Amino acid sequence: MSQGFFRYHPADGSGRKLNPENMITRIQGTRADLQFSAQSLYRSPLILDPGAMEINLSDKGLAWNQVGRVNTSYYDVYGNGYTFKWDK
């Protein structure tokens, strides 16, 4: 995981920078269909070591014209959950 992608700064105002690989505890990626239905086209398992995992979907038979949304969700060491959604 690139340190340029996620940047963590403590809320105490110190301006201290924290390494995201030390902050993220779980990460998951999903691909939703064009109707964004509850049953996604692909849902990765929970990745417990985000710095050491890459998700390869080349063998899943997913066509880009089937995908309506890409989601990335993660939890930090404080138990906060975040989800980023990209609609096509």
PDB file of N, CA and C in Angstrom:
ATOM      1  N   MET A   1       0.856  -1.175   0.000  1.00  0.00           N
ATOM      2  CA  MET A   1       0.000   0.000   0.000  1.00  0.00           C
ATOM      3  C   MET A   1       0.896   1.231   0.000  1.00  0.00           C
ATOM      4  N   SER A   2       0.622   2.146  -0.837  1.00  0.00           N
ATOM      5  CA  SER A   2       1.416   3.355  -0.954  1.00  0.00           C
ATOM      6  C   SER A   2       1.066   4.342   0.157  1.00  0.00           C
ATOM      7  N   GLN A   3       2.087   4.945   0.734  1.00  0.00           N
ATOM      8  CA  GLN A   3       1.829   5.940   1.766  1.00  0.00           C
ATOM      9  C   GLN A   3       1.213   7.208   1.187  1.00  0.00           C
ATOM     10  N   GLY A   4       1.289   7.402  -0.124  1.00  0.00           N
ATOM     11  CA  GLY A   4       0.691   8.568  -0.736  1.00  0.00           C
ATOM     12  C   GLY A   4      -0.812   8.467  -0.889  1.00  0.00           C
ATOM     13  N   PHE A   5      -1.368   7.275  -0.764  1.00  0.00           N
ATOM     14  CA  PHE A   5      -2.795   7.071  -0.969  1.00  0.00           C
ATOM     15  C   PHE A   5      -3.602   7.430   0.270  1.00  0.00           C
ATOM     16  N   PHE A   6      -3.223   6.915   1.419  1.00  0.00           N
ATOM     17  CA  PHE A   6      -3.892   7.231   2.685  1.00  0.00           C
ATOM     18  C   PHE A   6      -2.923   8.030   3.547  1.00  0.00           C
ATOM     19  N   ARG A   7      -3.439   9.072   4.172  1.00  0.00           N
ATOM     20  CA  ARG A   7      -2.627   9.838   5.107  1.00  0.00           C
ATOM     21  C   ARG A   7      -3.374   9.934   6.428  1.00  0.00           C
ATOM     22  N   TYR A   8      -2.722   9.543   7.495  1.00  0.00           N
ATOM     23  CA  TYR A   8      -3.317   9.611   8.828  1.00  0.00           C
ATOM     24  C   TYR A   8      -2.606  10.684   9.638  1.00  0.00           C
ATOM     25  N   HIS A   9      -3.395  11.512  10.307  1.00  0.00           N
ATOM     26  CA  HIS A   9      -2.889  12.501  11.243  1.00  0.00           C
ATOM     27  C   HIS A   9      -3.731  12.371  12.503  1.00  0.00           C
ATOM     28  N   PRO A  10      -3.102  12.321  13.666  1.00  0.00           N
ATOM     29  CA  PRO A  10      -3.872  12.229  14.899  1.00  0.00           C
ATOM     30  C   PRO A  10      -4.766  13.449  15.099  1.00  0.00           C
ATOM     31  N   ALA A  11      -5.874  13.257  15.767  1.00  0.00           N
ATOM     32  CA  ALA A  11      -6.839  14.340  16.011  1.00  0.00           C
ATOM     33  C   ALA A  11      -6.362  15.307  17.086  1.00  0.00           C
ATOM     34  N   ASP A  12      -5.215  15.035  17.701  1.00  0.00           N
ATOM     35  CA  ASP A  12      -4.743  15.903  18.782  1.00  0.00           C
ATOM     36  C   ASP A  12      -4.105  17.197  18.281  1.00  0.00           C
ATOM     37  N   GLY A  13      -4.047  17.388  16.947  1.00  0.00           N
ATOM     38  CA  GLY A  13      -3.501  18.618  16.387  1.00  0.00           C
ATOM     39  C   GLY A  13      -1.986  18.662  16.336  1.00  0.00           C
ATOM     40  N   SER A  14      -1.324  17.571  16.670  1.00  0.00           N
ATOM     41  CA  SER A  14       0.138  17.562  16.694  1.00  0.00           C
ATOM     42  C   SER A  14       0.754  17.629  15.295  1.00  0.00           C
ATOM     43  N   GLY A  15      -0.026  17.290  14.263  1.00  0.00           N
ATOM     44  CA  GLY A  15       0.500  17.286  12.903  1.00  0.00           C
ATOM     45  C   GLY A  15       1.382  16.088  12.592  1.00  0.00           C
ATOM     46  N   ARG A  16       1.521  15.200  13.544  1.00  0.00           N
ATOM     47  CA  ARG A  16       2.338  13.995  13.367  1.00  0.00           C
ATOM     48  C   ARG A  16       1.735  13.132  12.269  1.00  0.00           C
ATOM     49  N   LYS A  17       2.568  12.588  11.389  1.00  0.00           N
ATOM     50  CA  LYS A  17       2.106  11.695  10.335  1.00  0.00           C
ATOM     51  C   LYS A  17       2.284  10.256  10.790  1.00  0.00           C
ATOM     52  N   LEU A  18       1.299   9.425  10.487  1.00  0.00           N
ATOM     53  CA  LEU A  18       1.326   8.017  10.870  1.00  0.00           C
ATOM     54  C   LEU A  18       1.320   7.156   9.614  1.00  0.00           C
ATOM     55  N   ASN A  19       2.022   6.065   9.636  1.00  0.00           N
ATOM     56  CA  ASN A  19       2.077   5.136   8.517  1.00  0.00           C
ATOM     57  C   ASN A  19       0.746   4.392   8.416  1.00  0.00           C
ATOM     58  N   PRO A  20       0.039   4.478   7.271  1.00  0.00           N
ATOM     59  CA  PRO A  20      -1.268   3.819   7.157  1.00  0.00           C
ATOM     60  C   PRO A  20      -1.196   2.304   7.295  1.00  0.00           C
ATOM     61  N   GLU A  21      -0.061   1.703   6.936  1.00  0.00           N
ATOM     62  CA  GLU A  21       0.050   0.248   7.094  1.00  0.00           C
ATOM     63  C   GLU A  21       0.039  -0.152   8.562  1.00  0.00           C
ATOM     64  N   ASN A  22       0.367   0.781   9.449  1.00  0.00           N
ATOM     65  CA  ASN A  22       0.293   0.518  10.887  1.00  0.00           C
ATOM     66  C   ASN A  22      -1.077   0.856  11.452  1.00  0.00           C
ATOM     67  N   MET A  23      -1.923   1.507  10.660  1.00  0.00           N
ATOM     68  CA  MET A  23      -3.220   1.968  11.141  1.00  0.00           C
ATOM     69  C   MET A  23      -4.387   1.113  10.651  1.00  0.00           C
ATOM     70  N   ILE A  24      -4.290   0.550   9.454  1.00  0.00           N
ATOM     71  CA  ILE A  24      -5.392  -0.217   8.869  1.00  0.00           C
ATOM     72  C   ILE A  24      -5.313  -1.654   9.355  1.00  0.00           C
ATOM     73  N   THR A  25      -6.421  -2.146   9.897  1.00  0.00           N
ATOM     74  CA  THR A  25      -6.443  -3.514  10.422  1.00  0.00           C
ATOM     75  C   THR A  25      -7.136  -4.499   9.498  1.00  0.00           C
ATOM     76  N   ARG A  26      -8.141  -4.030   8.753  1.00  0.00           N
ATOM     77  CA  ARG A  26      -8.897  -4.892   7.831  1.00  0.00           C
ATOM     78  C   ARG A  26      -9.305  -4.065   6.627  1.00  0.00           C
ATOM     79  N   ILE A  27      -9.326  -4.704   5.478  1.00  0.00           N
ATOM     80  CA  ILE A  27      -9.747  -4.016   4.265  1.00  0.00           C
ATOM     81  C   ILE A  27     -10.530  -5.000   3.404  1.00  0.00           C
ATOM     82  N   GLN A  28     -11.468  -4.497   2.632  1.00  0.00           N
ATOM     83  CA  GLN A  28     -12.287  -5.349   1.769  1.00  0.00           C
ATOM     84  C   GLN A  28     -12.680  -4.562   0.528  1.00  0.00           C
ATOM     85  N   GLY A  29     -12.704  -5.234  -0.603  1.00  0.00           N
ATOM     86  CA  GLY A  29     -13.132  -4.615  -1.850  1.00  0.00           C
ATOM     87  C   GLY A  29     -14.352  -5.315  -2.409  1.00  0.00           C
ATOM     88  N   THR A  30     -15.275  -4.558  -2.982  1.00  0.00           N
ATOM     89  CA  THR A  30     -16.455  -5.145  -3.624  1.00  0.00           C
ATOM     90  C   THR A  30     -16.686  -4.476  -4.976  1.00  0.00           C
ATOM     91  N   ARG A  31     -17.365  -5.203  -5.843  1.00  0.00           N
ATOM     92  CA  ARG A  31     -17.787  -4.689  -7.145  1.00  0.00           C
ATOM     93  C   ARG A  31     -19.282  -4.896  -7.228  1.00  0.00           C
ATOM     94  N   ALA A  32     -20.037  -3.818  -7.414  1.00  0.00           N
ATOM     95  CA  ALA A  32     -21.502  -3.892  -7.487  1.00  0.00           C
ATOM     96  C   ALA A  32     -21.948  -3.882  -8.939  1.00  0.00           C
ATOM     97  N   ASP A  33     -23.117  -4.462  -9.186  1.00  0.00           N
ATOM     98  CA  ASP A  33     -23.659  -4.466 -10.543  1.00  0.00           C
ATOM     99  C   ASP A  33     -24.238  -3.089 -10.883  1.00  0.00           C
ATOM    100  N   LEU A  34     -24.780  -2.954 -12.065  1.00  0.00           N
ATOM    101  CA  LEU A  34     -25.281  -1.665 -12.537  1.00  0.00           C
ATOM    102  C   LEU A  34     -26.470  -1.150 -11.743  1.00  0.00           C
ATOM    103  N   GLN A  35     -27.226  -2.049 -11.088  1.00  0.00           N
ATOM    104  CA  GLN A  35     -28.377  -1.640 -10.280  1.00  0.00           C
ATOM    105  C   GLN A  35     -27.996  -1.471  -8.807  1.00  0.00           C
ATOM    106  N   PHE A  36     -26.735  -1.672  -8.469  1.00  0.00           N
ATOM    107  CA  PHE A  36     -26.239  -1.575  -7.093  1.00  0.00           C
ATOM    108  C   PHE A  36     -27.036  -2.478  -6.153  1.00  0.00           C
ATOM    109  N   SER A  37     -27.391  -3.666  -6.629  1.00  0.00           N
ATOM    110  CA  SER A  37     -28.185  -4.582  -5.813  1.00  0.00           C
ATOM    111  C   SER A  37     -27.380  -5.081  -4.615  1.00  0.00           C
ATOM    112  N   ALA A  38     -28.082  -5.614  -3.637  1.00  0.00           N
ATOM    113  CA  ALA A  38     -27.449  -6.082  -2.404  1.00  0.00           C
ATOM    114  C   ALA A  38     -26.455  -7.209  -2.666  1.00  0.00           C
ATOM    115  N   GLN A  39     -26.718  -7.994  -3.684  1.00  0.00           N
ATOM    116  CA  GLN A  39     -25.787  -9.078  -4.012  1.00  0.00           C
ATOM    117  C   GLN A  39     -24.764  -8.534  -4.999  1.00  0.00           C
ATOM    118  N   SER A  40     -23.552  -8.354  -4.534  1.00  0.00           N
ATOM    119  CA  SER A  40     -22.521  -7.757  -5.374  1.00  0.00           C
ATOM    120  C   SER A  40     -21.974  -8.773  -6.377  1.00  0.00           C
ATOM    121  N   LEU A  41     -21.315  -8.258  -7.403  1.00  0.00           N
ATOM    122  CA  LEU A  41     -20.677  -9.119  -8.394  1.00  0.00           C
ATOM    123  C   LEU A  41     -19.473  -9.832  -7.796  1.00  0.00           C
ATOM    124  N   TYR A  42     -18.792  -9.136  -6.912  1.00  0.00           N
ATOM    125  CA  TYR A  42     -17.614  -9.720  -6.251  1.00  0.00           C
ATOM    126  C   TYR A  42     -17.427  -9.052  -4.900  1.00  0.00           C
ATOM    127  N   ARG A  43     -17.124  -9.849  -3.898  1.00  0.00           N
ATOM    128  CA  ARG A  43     -16.804  -9.345  -2.553  1.00  0.00           C
ATOM    129  C   ARG A  43     -15.568 -10.106  -2.090  1.00  0.00           C
ATOM    130  N   SER A  44     -14.500  -9.387  -1.837  1.00  0.00           N
ATOM    131  CA  SER A  44     -13.280 -10.045  -1.366  1.00  0.00           C
ATOM    132  C   SER A  44     -13.479 -10.508   0.071  1.00  0.00           C
ATOM    133  N   PRO A  45     -12.679 -11.461   0.496  1.00  0.00           N
ATOM    134  CA  PRO A  45     -12.687 -11.784   1.923  1.00  0.00           C
ATOM    135  C   PRO A  45     -12.102 -10.602   2.696  1.00  0.00           C
ATOM    136  N   LEU A  46     -12.327 -10.548   4.006  1.00  0.00           N
ATOM    137  CA  LEU A  46     -11.684  -9.515   4.817  1.00  0.00           C
ATOM    138  C   LEU A  46     -10.184  -9.774   4.800  1.00  0.00           C
ATOM    139  N   ILE A  47      -9.433  -8.777   4.408  1.00  0.00           N
ATOM    140  CA  ILE A  47      -7.984  -8.904   4.332  1.00  0.00           C
ATOM    141  C   ILE A  47      -7.422  -8.358   5.634  1.00  0.00           C
ATOM    142  N   LEU A  48      -6.753  -9.214   6.388  1.00  0.00           N
ATOM    143  CA  LEU A  48      -6.273  -8.826   7.706  1.00  0.00           C
ATOM    144  C   LEU A  48      -4.868  -8.243   7.678  1.00  0.00           C
ATOM    145  N   ASP A  49      -4.170  -8.343   6.542  1.00  0.00           N
ATOM    146  CA  ASP A  49      -2.842  -7.765   6.385  1.00  0.00           C
ATOM    147  C   ASP A  49      -2.833  -6.930   5.109  1.00  0.00           C
ATOM    148  N   PRO A  50      -3.417  -5.732   5.161  1.00  0.00           N
ATOM    149  CA  PRO A  50      -3.592  -4.920   3.958  1.00  0.00           C
ATOM    150  C   PRO A  50      -2.295  -4.581   3.225  1.00  0.00           C
ATOM    151  N   GLY A  51      -1.187  -4.556   3.913  1.00  0.00           N
ATOM    152  CA  GLY A  51       0.079  -4.224   3.274  1.00  0.00           C
ATOM    153  C   GLY A  51       0.665  -5.362   2.458  1.00  0.00           C
ATOM    154  N   ALA A  52       0.117  -6.571   2.595  1.00  0.00           N
ATOM    155  CA  ALA A  52       0.714  -7.731   1.945  1.00  0.00           C
ATOM    156  C   ALA A  52      -0.228  -8.418   0.964  1.00  0.00           C
ATOM    157  N   MET A  53      -1.341  -7.790   0.608  1.00  0.00           N
ATOM    158  CA  MET A  53      -2.344  -8.466  -0.210  1.00  0.00           C
ATOM    159  C   MET A  53      -2.706  -7.644  -1.428  1.00  0.00           C
ATOM    160  N   GLU A  54      -2.838  -8.311  -2.534  1.00  0.00           N
ATOM    161  CA  GLU A  54      -3.331  -7.703  -3.760  1.00  0.00           C
ATOM    162  C   GLU A  54      -4.493  -8.549  -4.239  1.00  0.00           C
ATOM    163  N   ILE A  55      -5.565  -7.914  -4.685  1.00  0.00           N
ATOM    164  CA  ILE A  55      -6.729  -8.652  -5.162  1.00  0.00           C
ATOM    165  C   ILE A  55      -6.662  -8.744  -6.678  1.00  0.00           C
ATOM    166  N   ASN A  56      -6.572  -9.963  -7.180  1.00  0.00           N
ATOM    167  CA  ASN A  56      -6.514 -10.202  -8.621  1.00  0.00           C
ATOM    168  C   ASN A  56      -7.860 -10.781  -9.045  1.00  0.00           C
ATOM    169  N   LEU A  57      -8.578 -10.043  -9.886  1.00  0.00           N
ATOM    170  CA  LEU A  57      -9.911 -10.465 -10.325  1.00  0.00           C
ATOM    171  C   LEU A  57      -9.917 -11.030 -11.743  1.00  0.00           C
ATOM    172  N   SER A  58      -8.756 -11.245 -12.321  1.00  0.00           N
ATOM    173  CA  SER A  58      -8.698 -11.656 -13.722  1.00  0.00           C
ATOM    174  C   SER A  58      -9.361 -13.003 -13.981  1.00  0.00           C
ATOM    175  N   ASP A  59      -9.438 -13.857 -12.983  1.00  0.00           N
ATOM    176  CA  ASP A  59     -10.058 -15.175 -13.173  1.00  0.00           C
ATOM    177  C   ASP A  59     -11.528 -15.219 -12.743  1.00  0.00           C
ATOM    178  N   LYS A  60     -12.118 -14.074 -12.407  1.00  0.00           N
ATOM    179  CA  LYS A  60     -13.497 -14.031 -11.907  1.00  0.00           C
ATOM    180  C   LYS A  60     -14.541 -13.875 -13.010  1.00  0.00           C
ATOM    181  N   GLY A  61     -14.112 -13.619 -14.242  1.00  0.00           N
ATOM    182  CA  GLY A  61     -15.059 -13.484 -15.344  1.00  0.00           C
ATOM    183  C   GLY A  61     -15.905 -12.226 -15.295  1.00  0.00           C
ATOM    184  N   LEU A  62     -15.420 -11.189 -14.622  1.00  0.00           N
ATOM    185  CA  LEU A  62     -16.170  -9.931 -14.537  1.00  0.00           C
ATOM    186  C   LEU A  62     -15.854  -9.056 -15.744  1.00  0.00           C
ATOM    187  N   ALA A  63     -16.884  -8.559 -16.376  1.00  0.00           N
ATOM    188  CA  ALA A  63     -16.711  -7.621 -17.479  1.00  0.00           C
ATOM    189  C   ALA A  63     -16.983  -6.213 -16.959  1.00  0.00           C
ATOM    190  N   TRP A  64     -16.181  -5.254 -17.391  1.00  0.00           N
ATOM    191  CA  TRP A  64     -16.326  -3.889 -16.907  1.00  0.00           C
ATOM    192  C   TRP A  64     -17.723  -3.334 -17.186  1.00  0.00           C
ATOM    193  N   ASN A  65     -18.362  -3.773 -18.279  1.00  0.00           N
ATOM    194  CA  ASN A  65     -19.697  -3.260 -18.594  1.00  0.00           C
ATOM    195  C   ASN A  65     -20.767  -3.806 -17.646  1.00  0.00           C
ATOM    196  N   GLN A  66     -20.432  -4.748 -16.768  1.00  0.00           N
ATOM    197  CA  GLN A  66     -21.351  -5.265 -15.743  1.00  0.00           C
ATOM    198  C   GLN A  66     -21.236  -4.486 -14.431  1.00  0.00           C
ATOM    199  N   VAL A  67     -20.155  -3.755 -14.259  1.00  0.00           N
ATOM    200  CA  VAL A  67     -19.846  -3.098 -12.984  1.00  0.00           C
ATOM    201  C   VAL A  67     -20.460  -1.703 -12.950  1.00  0.00           C
ATOM    202  N   GLY A  68     -21.171  -1.406 -11.853  1.00  0.00           N
ATOM    203  CA  GLY A  68     -21.748  -0.082 -11.651  1.00  0.00           C
ATOM    204  C   GLY A  68     -21.038   0.712 -10.577  1.00  0.00           C
ATOM    205  N   ARG A  69     -20.396   0.009  -9.628  1.00  0.00           N
ATOM    206  CA  ARG A  69     -19.739   0.679  -8.513  1.00  0.00           C
ATOM    207  C   ARG A  69     -18.585  -0.184  -8.011  1.00  0.00           C
ATOM    208  N   VAL A  70     -17.537   0.477  -7.576  1.00  0.00           N
ATOM    209  CA  VAL A  70     -16.409  -0.177  -6.925  1.00  0.00           C
ATOM    210  C   VAL A  70     -16.332   0.400  -5.517  1.00  0.00           C
ATOM    211  N   ASN A  71     -16.296  -0.468  -4.524  1.00  0.00           N
ATOM    212  CA  ASN A  71     -16.214  -0.053  -3.117  1.00  0.00           C
ATOM    213  C   ASN A  71     -14.928  -0.565  -2.497  1.00  0.00           C
ATOM    214  N   THR A  72     -14.350   0.248  -1.636  1.00  0.00           N
ATOM    215  CA  THR A  72     -13.240  -0.178  -0.792  1.00  0.00           C
ATOM    216  C   THR A  72     -13.607   0.204   0.632  1.00  0.00           C
ATOM    217  N   SER A  73     -13.581  -0.763   1.521  1.00  0.00           N
ATOM    218  CA  SER A  73     -13.912  -0.515   2.931  1.00  0.00           C
ATOM    219  C   SER A  73     -12.737  -0.935   3.798  1.00  0.00           C
ATOM    220  N   TYR A  74     -12.490  -0.176   4.846  1.00  0.00           N
ATOM    221  CA  TYR A  74     -11.437  -0.580   5.770  1.00  0.00           C
ATOM    222  C   TYR A  74     -11.749  -0.111   7.185  1.00  0.00           C
ATOM    223  N   TYR A  75     -11.073  -0.751   8.145  1.00  0.00           N
ATOM    224  CA  TYR A  75     -11.159  -0.390   9.556  1.00  0.00           C
ATOM    225  C   TYR A  75      -9.774   0.001  10.039  1.00  0.00           C
ATOM    226  N   ASP A  76      -9.715   1.009  10.905  1.00  0.00           N
ATOM    227  CA  ASP A  76      -8.435   1.393  11.480  1.00  0.00           C
ATOM    228  C   ASP A  76      -8.282   0.806  12.882  1.00  0.00           C
ATOM    229  N   VAL A  77      -7.132   1.030  13.479  1.00  0.00           N
ATOM    230  CA  VAL A  77      -6.833   0.447  14.792  1.00  0.00           C
ATOM    231  C   VAL A  77      -7.735   0.995  15.891  1.00  0.00           C
ATOM    232  N   TYR A  78      -8.424   2.097  15.636  1.00  0.00           N
ATOM    233  CA  TYR A  78      -9.339   2.677  16.620  1.00  0.00           C
ATOM    234  C   TYR A  78     -10.759   2.134  16.480  1.00  0.00           C
ATOM    235  N   GLY A  79     -10.975   1.230  15.506  1.00  0.00           N
ATOM    236  CA  GLY A  79     -12.293   0.652  15.296  1.00  0.00           C
ATOM    237  C   GLY A  79     -13.186   1.459  14.367  1.00  0.00           C
ATOM    238  N   ASN A  80     -12.661   2.540  13.797  1.00  0.00           N
ATOM    239  CA  ASN A  80     -13.434   3.339  12.844  1.00  0.00           C
ATOM    240  C   ASN A  80     -13.516   2.620  11.510  1.00  0.00           C
ATOM    241  N   GLY A  81     -14.689   2.641  10.887  1.00  0.00           N
ATOM    242  CA  GLY A  81     -14.878   2.034   9.578  1.00  0.00           C
ATOM    243  C   GLY A  81     -15.079   3.096   8.518  1.00  0.00           C
ATOM    244  N   TYR A  82     -14.485   2.884   7.348  1.00  0.00           N
ATOM    245  CA  TYR A  82     -14.578   3.824   6.238  1.00  0.00           C
ATOM    246  C   TYR A  82     -14.935   3.064   4.970  1.00  0.00           C
ATOM    247  N   THR A  83     -15.763   3.645   4.117  1.00  0.00           N
ATOM    248  CA  THR A  83     -16.078   3.070   2.821  1.00  0.00           C
ATOM    249  C   THR A  83     -15.965   4.155   1.764  1.00  0.00           C
ATOM    250  N   PHE A  84     -15.231   3.850   0.723  1.00  0.00           N
ATOM    251  CA  PHE A  84     -15.092   4.737  -0.423  1.00  0.00           C
ATOM    252  C   PHE A  84     -15.797   4.084  -1.597  1.00  0.00           C
ATOM    253  N   LYS A  85     -16.634   4.852  -2.290  1.00  0.00           N
ATOM    254  CA  LYS A  85     -17.423   4.323  -3.407  1.00  0.00           C
ATOM    255  C   LYS A  85     -17.115   5.125  -4.653  1.00  0.00           C
ATOM    256  N   TRP A  86     -16.886   4.400  -5.736  1.00  0.00           N
ATOM    257  CA  TRP A  86     -16.685   5.033  -7.038  1.00  0.00           C
ATOM    258  C   TRP A  86     -17.744   4.504  -7.967  1.00  0.00           C
ATOM    259  N   ASP A  87     -18.633   5.399  -8.417  1.00  0.00           N
ATOM    260  CA  ASP A  87     -19.672   5.029  -9.379  1.00  0.00           C
ATOM    261  C   ASP A  87     -19.142   5.235 -10.784  1.00  0.00           C
ATOM    262  N   LYS A  88     -19.561   4.374 -11.650  1.00  0.00           N
ATOM    263  CA  LYS A  88     -19.128   4.445 -13.039  1.00  0.00           C
ATOM    264  C   LYS A  88     -20.078   5.299 -13.846  1.00  0.00           C
TER     265      LYS A  88
END
